[in-house]
């Protein structure tokens, strides 16, 4: 990668219709970050022009890579002083266009800020920088006999800063909650580069406004994380995983509701339809039953006696609901093989067609059967391949539309199907997004869910905290 030189006159930032000669700004960035961490080559810029959402790429003017939290704050300060729009990027796994930069703006990478500062085994918390990879962190925590439950599907590459910005969920969200449930404190830079601290390392803290609650899930629109304090919990003593095979997709979806209605809250309660099962089996060779109309992958954990009791109750409910067969994993290796296959669902489906659109419409758990049926009907209506899988236990489904964006006619049907999926989710009392965020992809639908007054209220908060609108502009609430 070639760094921008301060003498280069051909680079111009554009913001709010104004142009700014870059010589002084570039020299300042190079002084703060080092020339080797200021990038402008077209190939480098293109690499940071998109995320995992199916949206048009947007090329930034600069990419910055701070290697210390102090340098991060200084970079934010320079952007603020010069009214340069900035978008923070972790691993770029975002599925809603949340890390698409503003044209002519700046992308700030956090992958060099990857220090696990502290794991406190006595008080059960950890302090991390935003660029720490989720799975690496979870593995280190587990090696100490502790547990960090949030496990987004992209955890092998996603970073904790991105998880907090998106309030990421995962397979274990049903029992253990999502990222916000584990954020104890934050240090972040405001739009002017000032360091703001909120929360504590104590179990209880009601000091000041709950700024952490505001920042978690704000998708980089209100601040730039520098340190995150996360709650840890004891590792469960026992766990048991089961696979329930159904010949009818409605039976499988109704079984989800029946398990929850029986006051059982598994760690995971995952759903896969036949199309997804076949794609995953072709991809992974995990031994999934390709003749099944649908699968439920279920895991319970806790005290050994509790695990055996709940597993027996789950099996009883599945048989009552008409399951073809149900089998428990014989050992940890077999359990892990099945769960890895489930985590590979998106990768497997993405091989089927050139364009993959993964959504996360979420409904109350009792409406899972109705939502599963509606997705099937929408696929037929618009003549589209849709594989459906997801965290059925918490109502979070991932209808995955497989198409080819280069085919204008087919893509028009895809867009209509997306509209229909969101409309149905809201009709059933659900939400536009359970874990992927709103970003740029879903902002046009937001008013349908929360109403115009809520959007205007949010915009007033944004305007007060970021008056020049430099922090990831255009995301969530538009503008």
Protein backbone atom coordinates (compact mmCIF):
# COMPACT_ATOMS: atom_id res chain seq x y z
CA UNK A 1 0.00 0.00 0.00
CA UNK A 2 1.30 3.46 -0.81
CA UNK A 3 0.67 6.24 1.67
CA UNK A 4 -0.56 9.64 0.53
CA UNK A 5 2.23 12.17 0.48
CA UNK A 6 1.58 15.61 1.84
CA UNK A 7 2.67 17.13 -1.44
CA UNK A 8 0.03 15.30 -3.47
CA UNK A 9 -2.37 17.97 -4.73
CA UNK A 10 -4.74 15.70 -6.61
CA UNK A 11 -6.65 14.52 -3.52
CA UNK A 12 -9.66 16.56 -2.50
CA UNK A 13 -12.23 15.85 0.20
CA UNK A 14 -15.79 16.71 -0.65
CA UNK A 15 -18.37 17.30 2.06
CA UNK A 16 -21.58 19.32 2.13
CA UNK A 17 -20.84 20.59 -1.38
CA UNK A 18 -17.50 22.10 -0.34
CA UNK A 19 -13.98 21.22 -1.43
CA UNK A 20 -10.97 21.23 0.76
CA UNK A 21 -7.34 21.20 -0.35
CA UNK A 22 -5.73 18.27 1.44
CA UNK A 23 -2.12 19.26 1.93
CA UNK A 24 -2.41 20.43 5.54
CA UNK A 25 -4.88 17.72 6.53
CA UNK A 26 -2.75 14.96 5.04
CA UNK A 27 0.34 16.20 6.83
CA UNK A 28 -1.59 16.15 10.08
CA UNK A 29 -2.85 12.59 9.53
CA UNK A 30 0.67 11.45 8.61
CA UNK A 31 2.08 13.09 11.71
CA UNK A 32 -0.47 11.38 13.94
CA UNK A 33 -0.59 7.94 12.33
CA UNK A 34 2.65 7.61 10.39
CA UNK A 35 2.77 7.72 6.60
CA UNK A 36 2.50 3.93 6.44
CA UNK A 37 -0.98 4.10 7.99
CA UNK A 38 -2.56 6.63 5.61
CA UNK A 39 -3.75 4.94 2.41
CA UNK A 40 -5.03 6.33 -0.88
CA UNK A 41 -4.23 3.90 -3.69
CA UNK A 42 -7.37 3.11 -5.68
CA UNK A 43 -7.08 -0.63 -5.02
CA UNK A 44 -6.77 0.02 -1.29
CA UNK A 45 -9.72 2.39 -1.23
CA UNK A 46 -11.91 -0.03 -3.17
CA UNK A 47 -11.33 -2.73 -0.56
CA UNK A 48 -13.11 -0.52 1.99
CA UNK A 49 -15.96 0.65 -0.25
CA UNK A 50 -18.46 -2.09 0.61
CA UNK A 51 -19.58 -4.55 3.27
CA UNK A 52 -21.59 -7.78 3.15
CA UNK A 53 -24.84 -6.03 2.19
CA UNK A 54 -25.91 -6.01 -1.46
CA UNK A 55 -25.50 -2.28 -2.06
CA UNK A 56 -23.52 -0.16 -4.47
CA UNK A 57 -19.95 0.40 -3.24
CA UNK A 58 -18.89 3.89 -2.16
CA UNK A 59 -15.21 4.80 -2.42
CA UNK A 60 -13.69 6.86 0.41
CA UNK A 61 -11.03 9.52 -0.14
CA UNK A 62 -8.74 8.15 2.57
CA UNK A 63 -8.30 5.09 4.74
CA UNK A 64 -6.63 5.58 8.13
CA UNK A 65 -5.25 2.86 10.40
CA UNK A 66 -4.47 4.09 13.92
CA UNK A 67 -2.33 1.73 15.99
CA UNK A 68 -3.01 3.31 19.40
CA UNK A 69 -6.16 4.60 21.05
CA UNK A 70 -4.50 8.01 21.40
CA UNK A 71 -3.91 8.12 17.65
CA UNK A 72 -7.52 7.08 17.07
CA UNK A 73 -8.75 10.02 19.13
CA UNK A 74 -6.44 12.42 17.31
CA UNK A 75 -7.66 11.16 13.94
CA UNK A 76 -11.26 11.72 15.01
CA UNK A 77 -10.31 15.21 16.21
CA UNK A 78 -8.80 16.14 12.84
CA UNK A 79 -11.87 14.83 11.03
CA UNK A 80 -14.07 16.90 13.34
CA UNK A 81 -12.05 20.08 12.92
CA UNK A 82 -12.15 19.73 9.13
CA UNK A 83 -15.72 18.47 8.91
CA UNK A 84 -14.64 15.22 7.25
CA UNK A 85 -17.25 12.45 7.38
CA UNK A 86 -15.78 9.35 8.97
CA UNK A 87 -16.90 5.74 9.06
CA UNK A 88 -15.32 3.27 11.46
CA UNK A 89 -14.68 -0.21 10.08
CA UNK A 90 -13.81 -3.41 11.92
CA UNK A 91 -13.87 -6.57 9.79
CA UNK A 92 -16.51 -5.31 7.34
CA UNK A 93 -18.91 -8.22 7.95
CA UNK A 94 -21.85 -5.85 8.37
CA UNK A 95 -25.00 -6.97 6.53
CA UNK A 96 -26.92 -3.69 6.30
CA UNK A 97 -24.53 -1.24 4.66
CA UNK A 98 -23.47 0.10 8.03
CA UNK A 99 -19.82 0.57 7.08
CA UNK A 100 -20.31 2.06 3.63
CA UNK A 101 -18.36 5.33 3.72
CA UNK A 102 -19.57 8.74 2.66
CA UNK A 103 -18.24 9.53 -0.81
CA UNK A 104 -15.11 11.61 -0.38
CA UNK A 105 -14.97 10.81 3.32
CA UNK A 106 -12.62 8.87 5.57
CA UNK A 107 -12.62 5.24 6.71
CA UNK A 108 -10.94 4.55 10.05
CA UNK A 109 -9.82 0.96 10.53
CA UNK A 110 -9.70 -0.56 14.02
CA UNK A 111 -7.97 -3.85 13.17
CA UNK A 112 -4.68 -2.70 14.73
CA UNK A 113 -6.45 -1.88 18.02
CA UNK A 114 -6.66 -5.53 18.97
CA UNK A 115 -5.39 -5.75 22.53
CA UNK A 116 -7.19 -7.75 25.20
CA UNK A 117 -6.25 -5.40 28.00
CA UNK A 118 -7.52 -7.43 30.95
CA UNK A 119 -9.48 -10.54 31.84
CA UNK A 120 -10.46 -10.27 35.49
CA UNK A 121 -11.31 -13.73 36.81
CA UNK A 122 -12.18 -12.45 40.28
CA UNK A 123 -14.71 -9.80 39.29
CA UNK A 124 -15.80 -11.47 36.03
CA UNK A 125 -15.14 -8.79 33.43
CA UNK A 126 -12.78 -8.09 30.55
CA UNK A 127 -11.43 -4.90 29.01
CA UNK A 128 -10.71 -4.94 25.29
CA UNK A 129 -9.88 -2.67 22.40
CA UNK A 130 -12.44 -2.55 19.56
CA UNK A 131 -10.40 -4.52 17.02
CA UNK A 132 -10.27 -7.77 19.02
CA UNK A 133 -11.72 -10.69 17.01
CA UNK A 134 -14.80 -12.11 18.73
CA UNK A 135 -13.91 -15.81 18.50
CA UNK A 136 -10.33 -15.18 19.66
CA UNK A 137 -11.63 -13.36 22.72
CA UNK A 138 -14.27 -15.99 23.50
CA UNK A 139 -11.68 -18.75 23.22
CA UNK A 140 -9.26 -17.03 25.58
CA UNK A 141 -12.05 -16.43 28.08
CA UNK A 142 -13.08 -20.08 27.86
CA UNK A 143 -9.50 -21.21 28.51
CA UNK A 144 -9.86 -19.55 31.92
CA UNK A 145 -13.07 -21.43 32.72
CA UNK A 146 -15.30 -18.43 31.96
CA UNK A 147 -17.89 -17.73 29.29
CA UNK A 148 -18.66 -14.86 26.90
CA UNK A 149 -21.96 -15.95 25.30
CA UNK A 150 -22.60 -13.59 22.31
CA UNK A 151 -21.69 -15.59 19.19
CA UNK A 152 -22.58 -13.86 15.90
CA UNK A 153 -22.32 -16.04 12.81
CA UNK A 154 -19.31 -14.02 11.67
CA UNK A 155 -17.49 -14.44 14.99
CA UNK A 156 -14.41 -16.03 13.39
CA UNK A 157 -13.58 -12.67 11.79
CA UNK A 158 -15.92 -10.05 13.28
CA UNK A 159 -14.58 -7.67 15.93
CA UNK A 160 -15.96 -6.72 19.31
CA UNK A 161 -16.20 -3.04 18.37
CA UNK A 162 -18.41 -3.96 15.45
CA UNK A 163 -20.44 -6.30 17.66
CA UNK A 164 -21.12 -3.46 20.09
CA UNK A 165 -21.89 -0.98 17.31
CA UNK A 166 -24.45 -3.37 15.83
CA UNK A 167 -25.62 -4.96 19.10
CA UNK A 168 -24.79 -8.32 17.53
CA UNK A 169 -26.66 -11.45 18.55
CA UNK A 170 -26.01 -15.05 17.59
CA UNK A 171 -27.09 -18.63 18.16
CA UNK A 172 -26.99 -18.39 21.96
CA UNK A 173 -29.09 -15.22 22.16
CA UNK A 174 -32.22 -17.14 23.14
CA UNK A 175 -30.91 -18.01 26.61
CA UNK A 176 -28.06 -15.61 27.15
CA UNK A 177 -29.09 -12.42 25.37
CA UNK A 178 -27.13 -10.27 22.94
CA UNK A 179 -24.09 -8.00 23.06
CA UNK A 180 -25.81 -5.15 24.95
CA UNK A 181 -26.42 -7.53 27.87
CA UNK A 182 -22.64 -7.85 28.37
CA UNK A 183 -21.45 -4.26 27.93
CA UNK A 184 -20.54 -2.88 31.36
CA UNK A 185 -18.68 0.22 30.23
CA UNK A 186 -17.36 2.11 27.24
CA UNK A 187 -14.69 4.64 26.42
CA UNK A 188 -15.35 6.44 23.15
CA UNK A 189 -14.43 9.58 21.26
CA UNK A 190 -17.12 12.10 20.44
CA UNK A 191 -17.37 13.96 17.13
CA UNK A 192 -14.70 16.41 18.27
CA UNK A 193 -12.25 13.75 19.43
CA UNK A 194 -12.87 14.21 23.18
CA UNK A 195 -12.72 11.02 25.26
CA UNK A 196 -16.03 10.12 26.94
CA UNK A 197 -16.31 7.44 29.63
CA UNK A 198 -19.44 5.66 30.76
CA UNK A 199 -20.27 2.63 32.89
CA UNK A 200 -18.00 0.84 35.35
CA UNK A 201 -16.37 -2.44 36.28
CA UNK A 202 -18.88 -2.98 39.08
CA UNK A 203 -22.02 -5.11 38.91
CA UNK A 204 -24.15 -2.05 39.70
CA UNK A 205 -23.65 1.44 38.29
CA UNK A 206 -26.19 4.26 38.02
CA UNK A 207 -23.71 7.13 37.68
CA UNK A 208 -24.86 9.68 35.13
CA UNK A 209 -26.83 9.08 31.96
CA UNK A 210 -26.82 5.58 30.50
CA UNK A 211 -24.60 6.59 27.60
CA UNK A 212 -23.59 2.99 27.04
CA UNK A 213 -27.20 2.07 26.36
CA UNK A 214 -27.34 4.87 23.79
CA UNK A 215 -24.08 3.92 22.06
CA UNK A 216 -24.66 0.16 21.85
CA UNK A 217 -26.37 -0.45 18.53
CA UNK A 218 -25.83 3.12 17.31
CA UNK A 219 -23.81 1.83 14.33
CA UNK A 220 -21.01 4.37 14.67
CA UNK A 221 -23.30 7.39 14.36
CA UNK A 222 -22.73 8.78 17.87
CA UNK A 223 -19.15 7.93 18.85
CA UNK A 224 -15.98 5.97 18.09
CA UNK A 225 -15.14 3.19 20.57
CA UNK A 226 -11.66 2.97 22.06
CA UNK A 227 -12.17 0.57 24.99
CA UNK A 228 -14.97 -1.79 25.93
CA UNK A 229 -15.62 -3.44 29.31
CA UNK A 230 -17.51 -6.72 28.96
CA UNK A 231 -19.24 -8.91 31.53
CA UNK A 232 -18.18 -12.55 31.78
CA UNK A 233 -20.08 -15.40 33.39
CA UNK A 234 -19.18 -18.89 34.67
CA UNK A 235 -19.02 -21.67 32.10
CA UNK A 236 -22.09 -23.96 32.33
CA UNK A 237 -21.29 -27.33 33.91
CA UNK A 238 -23.01 -29.47 31.28
CA UNK A 239 -24.67 -29.22 27.87
CA UNK A 240 -26.56 -31.49 25.51
CA UNK A 241 -27.27 -30.99 21.81
CA UNK A 242 -30.05 -32.62 19.79
CA UNK A 243 -31.20 -32.72 16.18
CA UNK A 244 -34.94 -33.02 15.53
CA UNK A 245 -35.90 -34.08 12.00
CA UNK A 246 -39.33 -33.15 10.61
CA UNK A 247 -41.20 -34.20 7.47
CA UNK A 248 -43.33 -31.06 7.56
CA UNK A 249 -41.98 -27.52 7.85
CA UNK A 250 -45.03 -26.27 9.75
CA UNK A 251 -44.64 -28.99 12.36
CA UNK A 252 -41.06 -27.86 12.92
CA UNK A 253 -42.01 -24.21 13.29
CA UNK A 254 -44.89 -25.05 15.64
CA UNK A 255 -42.53 -27.15 17.76
CA UNK A 256 -40.43 -24.04 18.39
CA UNK A 257 -43.44 -22.31 19.92
CA UNK A 258 -44.38 -25.42 21.88
CA UNK A 259 -40.93 -25.72 23.50
CA UNK A 260 -40.94 -22.09 24.62
CA UNK A 261 -44.56 -22.32 25.79
CA UNK A 262 -43.52 -25.22 28.04
CA UNK A 263 -41.22 -22.76 29.89
CA UNK A 264 -38.02 -24.30 28.50
CA UNK A 265 -35.42 -21.82 27.32
CA UNK A 266 -32.68 -23.70 25.44
CA UNK A 267 -29.27 -22.18 24.78
CA UNK A 268 -29.98 -22.49 21.09
CA UNK A 269 -33.05 -23.43 19.10
CA UNK A 270 -32.13 -23.21 15.42
CA UNK A 271 -34.26 -23.80 12.34
CA UNK A 272 -33.22 -24.91 8.84
CA UNK A 273 -35.53 -25.61 5.89
CA UNK A 274 -34.90 -28.33 3.31
CA UNK A 275 -33.27 -26.04 0.76
CA UNK A 276 -30.77 -24.84 3.37
CA UNK A 277 -30.17 -28.37 4.69
CA UNK A 278 -29.24 -29.62 1.23
CA UNK A 279 -26.99 -26.63 0.53
CA UNK A 280 -25.20 -27.01 3.87
CA UNK A 281 -24.74 -30.76 3.47
CA UNK A 282 -23.30 -30.31 -0.01
CA UNK A 283 -20.95 -27.68 1.42
CA UNK A 284 -19.89 -29.33 4.67
CA UNK A 285 -20.66 -33.04 4.52
CA UNK A 286 -21.75 -32.94 8.17
CA UNK A 287 -24.23 -35.77 7.78
CA UNK A 288 -27.42 -33.73 7.80
CA UNK A 289 -30.59 -35.57 6.66
CA UNK A 290 -31.27 -34.16 3.19
CA UNK A 291 -34.71 -35.84 3.13
CA UNK A 292 -35.95 -33.66 6.00
CA UNK A 293 -38.44 -30.88 5.30
CA UNK A 294 -36.92 -29.00 8.24
CA UNK A 295 -34.52 -29.44 11.13
CA UNK A 296 -34.42 -28.06 14.63
CA UNK A 297 -30.98 -27.95 16.24
CA UNK A 298 -31.43 -27.67 19.98
CA UNK A 299 -28.99 -27.34 22.86
CA UNK A 300 -29.65 -27.08 26.59
CA UNK A 301 -27.08 -26.34 29.28
CA UNK A 302 -26.73 -25.84 33.03
CA UNK A 303 -26.42 -28.22 35.98
CA UNK A 304 -26.14 -31.85 34.75
CA UNK A 305 -29.45 -32.91 36.34
CA UNK A 306 -31.23 -29.89 34.86
CA UNK A 307 -29.75 -30.61 31.43
CA UNK A 308 -31.01 -34.20 31.45
CA UNK A 309 -34.47 -33.14 32.61
CA UNK A 310 -34.85 -30.38 30.02
CA UNK A 311 -33.48 -32.55 27.22
CA UNK A 312 -36.06 -35.24 28.08
CA UNK A 313 -38.86 -32.66 28.06
CA UNK A 314 -37.71 -31.27 24.70
CA UNK A 315 -37.67 -34.77 23.23
CA UNK A 316 -41.16 -35.44 24.58
CA UNK A 317 -42.50 -32.22 23.04
CA UNK A 318 -40.89 -32.99 19.67
CA UNK A 319 -42.46 -36.45 19.61
CA UNK A 320 -45.84 -34.99 20.55
CA UNK A 321 -45.51 -32.54 17.63
CA UNK A 322 -44.84 -35.35 15.13
CA UNK A 323 -41.05 -35.40 14.76
CA UNK A 324 -39.72 -38.07 12.36
CA UNK A 325 -36.75 -38.72 14.61
CA UNK A 326 -34.66 -36.98 17.23
CA UNK A 327 -31.08 -37.78 18.08
CA UNK A 328 -28.63 -36.44 20.64
CA UNK A 329 -24.99 -35.76 19.87
CA UNK A 330 -22.91 -38.62 21.22
CA UNK A 331 -19.95 -36.46 22.16
CA UNK A 332 -18.53 -32.94 21.93
CA UNK A 333 -16.96 -33.61 18.52
CA UNK A 334 -20.30 -34.65 17.00
CA UNK A 335 -22.03 -31.67 18.60
CA UNK A 336 -19.43 -29.24 17.31
CA UNK A 337 -19.63 -30.72 13.80
CA UNK A 338 -23.37 -30.05 13.61
CA UNK A 339 -23.06 -26.52 14.99
CA UNK A 340 -20.26 -25.69 12.57
CA UNK A 341 -22.49 -26.90 9.76
CA UNK A 342 -25.25 -24.57 10.97
CA UNK A 343 -22.80 -21.66 11.11
CA UNK A 344 -21.86 -22.44 7.51
CA UNK A 345 -25.44 -21.92 6.27
CA UNK A 346 -24.78 -18.53 4.71
CA UNK A 347 -21.55 -19.66 3.06
CA UNK A 348 -23.30 -22.74 1.70
CA UNK A 349 -26.25 -20.80 0.29
CA UNK A 350 -24.02 -18.14 -1.25
CA UNK A 351 -22.57 -20.77 -3.61
CA UNK A 352 -25.95 -21.40 -5.26
CA UNK A 353 -26.39 -18.09 -7.10
CA UNK A 354 -24.15 -15.07 -7.84
CA UNK A 355 -26.03 -12.75 -5.46
CA UNK A 356 -27.06 -13.59 -1.90
CA UNK A 357 -29.39 -11.35 0.12
CA UNK A 358 -29.49 -12.32 3.79
CA UNK A 359 -32.26 -10.72 5.83
CA UNK A 360 -33.15 -10.97 9.51
CA UNK A 361 -36.82 -10.17 9.88
CA UNK A 362 -37.80 -11.01 13.45
CA UNK A 363 -41.20 -11.75 14.94
CA UNK A 364 -42.60 -12.76 18.35
CA UNK A 365 -41.80 -16.44 18.86
CA UNK A 366 -45.45 -17.45 18.77
CA UNK A 367 -45.63 -16.10 15.20
CA UNK A 368 -42.72 -18.15 13.86
CA UNK A 369 -45.08 -20.61 12.07
CA UNK A 370 -46.91 -17.75 10.35
CA UNK A 371 -43.64 -16.07 9.31
CA UNK A 372 -42.13 -19.28 7.97
CA UNK A 373 -45.29 -19.90 5.93
CA UNK A 374 -45.29 -16.31 4.64
CA UNK A 375 -41.68 -16.56 3.46
CA UNK A 376 -42.57 -19.68 1.49
CA UNK A 377 -45.52 -17.91 -0.12
CA UNK A 378 -43.41 -14.85 -0.97
CA UNK A 379 -40.82 -17.06 -2.66
CA UNK A 380 -43.51 -18.66 -4.82
CA UNK A 381 -45.19 -15.34 -5.63
CA UNK A 382 -41.99 -13.75 -6.91
CA UNK A 383 -40.49 -16.95 -8.35
CA UNK A 384 -37.39 -16.80 -6.17
CA UNK A 385 -35.14 -19.26 -4.42
CA UNK A 386 -35.29 -18.51 -0.68
CA UNK A 387 -33.47 -20.62 1.88
CA UNK A 388 -34.66 -20.01 5.43
CA UNK A 389 -32.69 -20.67 8.58
CA UNK A 390 -32.14 -18.80 11.80
CA UNK A 391 -32.56 -18.42 15.51
CA UNK A 392 -36.14 -19.59 15.64
CA UNK A 393 -36.18 -19.74 19.42
CA UNK A 394 -36.00 -15.96 19.67
CA UNK A 395 -38.08 -15.31 16.55
CA UNK A 396 -35.08 -14.24 14.45
CA UNK A 397 -35.30 -15.82 10.99
CA UNK A 398 -32.82 -15.37 8.13
CA UNK A 399 -34.68 -15.67 4.82
CA UNK A 400 -31.87 -15.78 2.26
CA UNK A 401 -32.77 -14.81 -1.28
CA UNK A 402 -30.57 -16.27 -4.03
CA UNK A 403 -30.54 -14.44 -7.35
CA UNK A 404 -28.33 -12.54 -9.80
CA UNK A 405 -28.24 -8.78 -9.48
CA UNK A 406 -27.06 -8.46 -13.09
CA UNK A 407 -30.52 -9.67 -14.21
CA UNK A 408 -32.63 -6.51 -13.88
CA UNK A 409 -35.93 -8.37 -14.11
CA UNK A 410 -34.97 -10.89 -11.46
CA UNK A 411 -33.58 -8.18 -9.21
CA UNK A 412 -36.85 -6.27 -9.41
CA UNK A 413 -38.60 -9.36 -8.03
CA UNK A 414 -36.01 -9.59 -5.25
CA UNK A 415 -36.67 -6.01 -4.17
CA UNK A 416 -40.42 -6.64 -4.11
CA UNK A 417 -39.87 -9.80 -2.07
CA UNK A 418 -37.75 -7.92 0.49
CA UNK A 419 -40.51 -5.32 0.83
CA UNK A 420 -43.05 -8.09 1.35
CA UNK A 421 -40.92 -9.87 3.98
CA UNK A 422 -40.54 -6.71 6.05
CA UNK A 423 -44.21 -5.83 5.66
CA UNK A 424 -45.22 -9.26 6.92
CA UNK A 425 -42.80 -9.15 9.85
CA UNK A 426 -44.24 -5.82 11.00
CA UNK A 427 -47.79 -7.06 10.47
CA UNK A 428 -47.00 -9.94 12.84
CA UNK A 429 -45.76 -7.57 15.52
CA UNK A 430 -42.09 -8.00 14.64
CA UNK A 431 -39.16 -5.81 13.76
CA UNK A 432 -37.04 -4.96 10.72
CA UNK A 433 -33.87 -6.32 12.25
CA UNK A 434 -33.08 -8.65 15.10
CA UNK A 435 -29.29 -8.40 14.86
CA UNK A 436 -28.01 -7.05 11.54
CA UNK A 437 -28.81 -3.40 12.14
CA UNK A 438 -30.52 -0.78 9.97
CA UNK A 439 -27.52 0.87 8.33
CA UNK A 440 -28.15 2.18 4.83
CA UNK A 441 -30.11 -0.83 3.60
CA UNK A 442 -33.17 -0.59 5.85
CA UNK A 443 -33.40 3.08 6.78
CA UNK A 444 -36.17 3.65 4.23
CA UNK A 445 -38.38 1.16 6.11
CA UNK A 446 -37.73 2.54 9.59
CA UNK A 447 -40.68 4.91 9.71
CA UNK A 448 -43.02 1.97 9.06
CA UNK A 449 -41.92 0.43 12.36
CA UNK A 450 -41.22 3.27 14.78
CA UNK A 451 -43.15 6.22 13.27
CA UNK A 452 -42.09 9.70 12.17
CA UNK A 453 -41.92 11.26 15.66
CA UNK A 454 -39.39 8.62 16.78
CA UNK A 455 -37.18 9.34 13.77
CA UNK A 456 -37.31 13.09 14.39
CA UNK A 457 -36.49 12.56 18.09
CA UNK A 458 -33.49 10.43 17.10
CA UNK A 459 -32.34 13.05 14.63
CA UNK A 460 -32.40 15.70 17.35
CA UNK A 461 -30.14 13.52 19.50
CA UNK A 462 -27.80 13.01 16.55
CA UNK A 463 -27.73 16.74 15.77
CA UNK A 464 -26.91 17.61 19.38
CA UNK A 465 -24.05 15.11 19.67
CA UNK A 466 -22.73 15.42 16.13
CA UNK A 467 -23.73 18.87 14.84
CA UNK A 468 -21.62 18.62 11.69
CA UNK A 469 -22.95 15.11 10.98
CA UNK A 470 -19.53 13.58 10.44
CA UNK A 471 -20.05 10.28 12.31
CA UNK A 472 -21.16 7.64 9.81
CA UNK A 473 -23.63 10.02 8.16
CA UNK A 474 -26.76 8.69 6.49
CA UNK A 475 -27.05 5.52 8.53
CA UNK A 476 -30.13 4.37 10.47
CA UNK A 477 -32.09 7.64 10.45
CA UNK A 478 -30.87 9.02 7.13
CA UNK A 479 -29.61 12.57 6.72
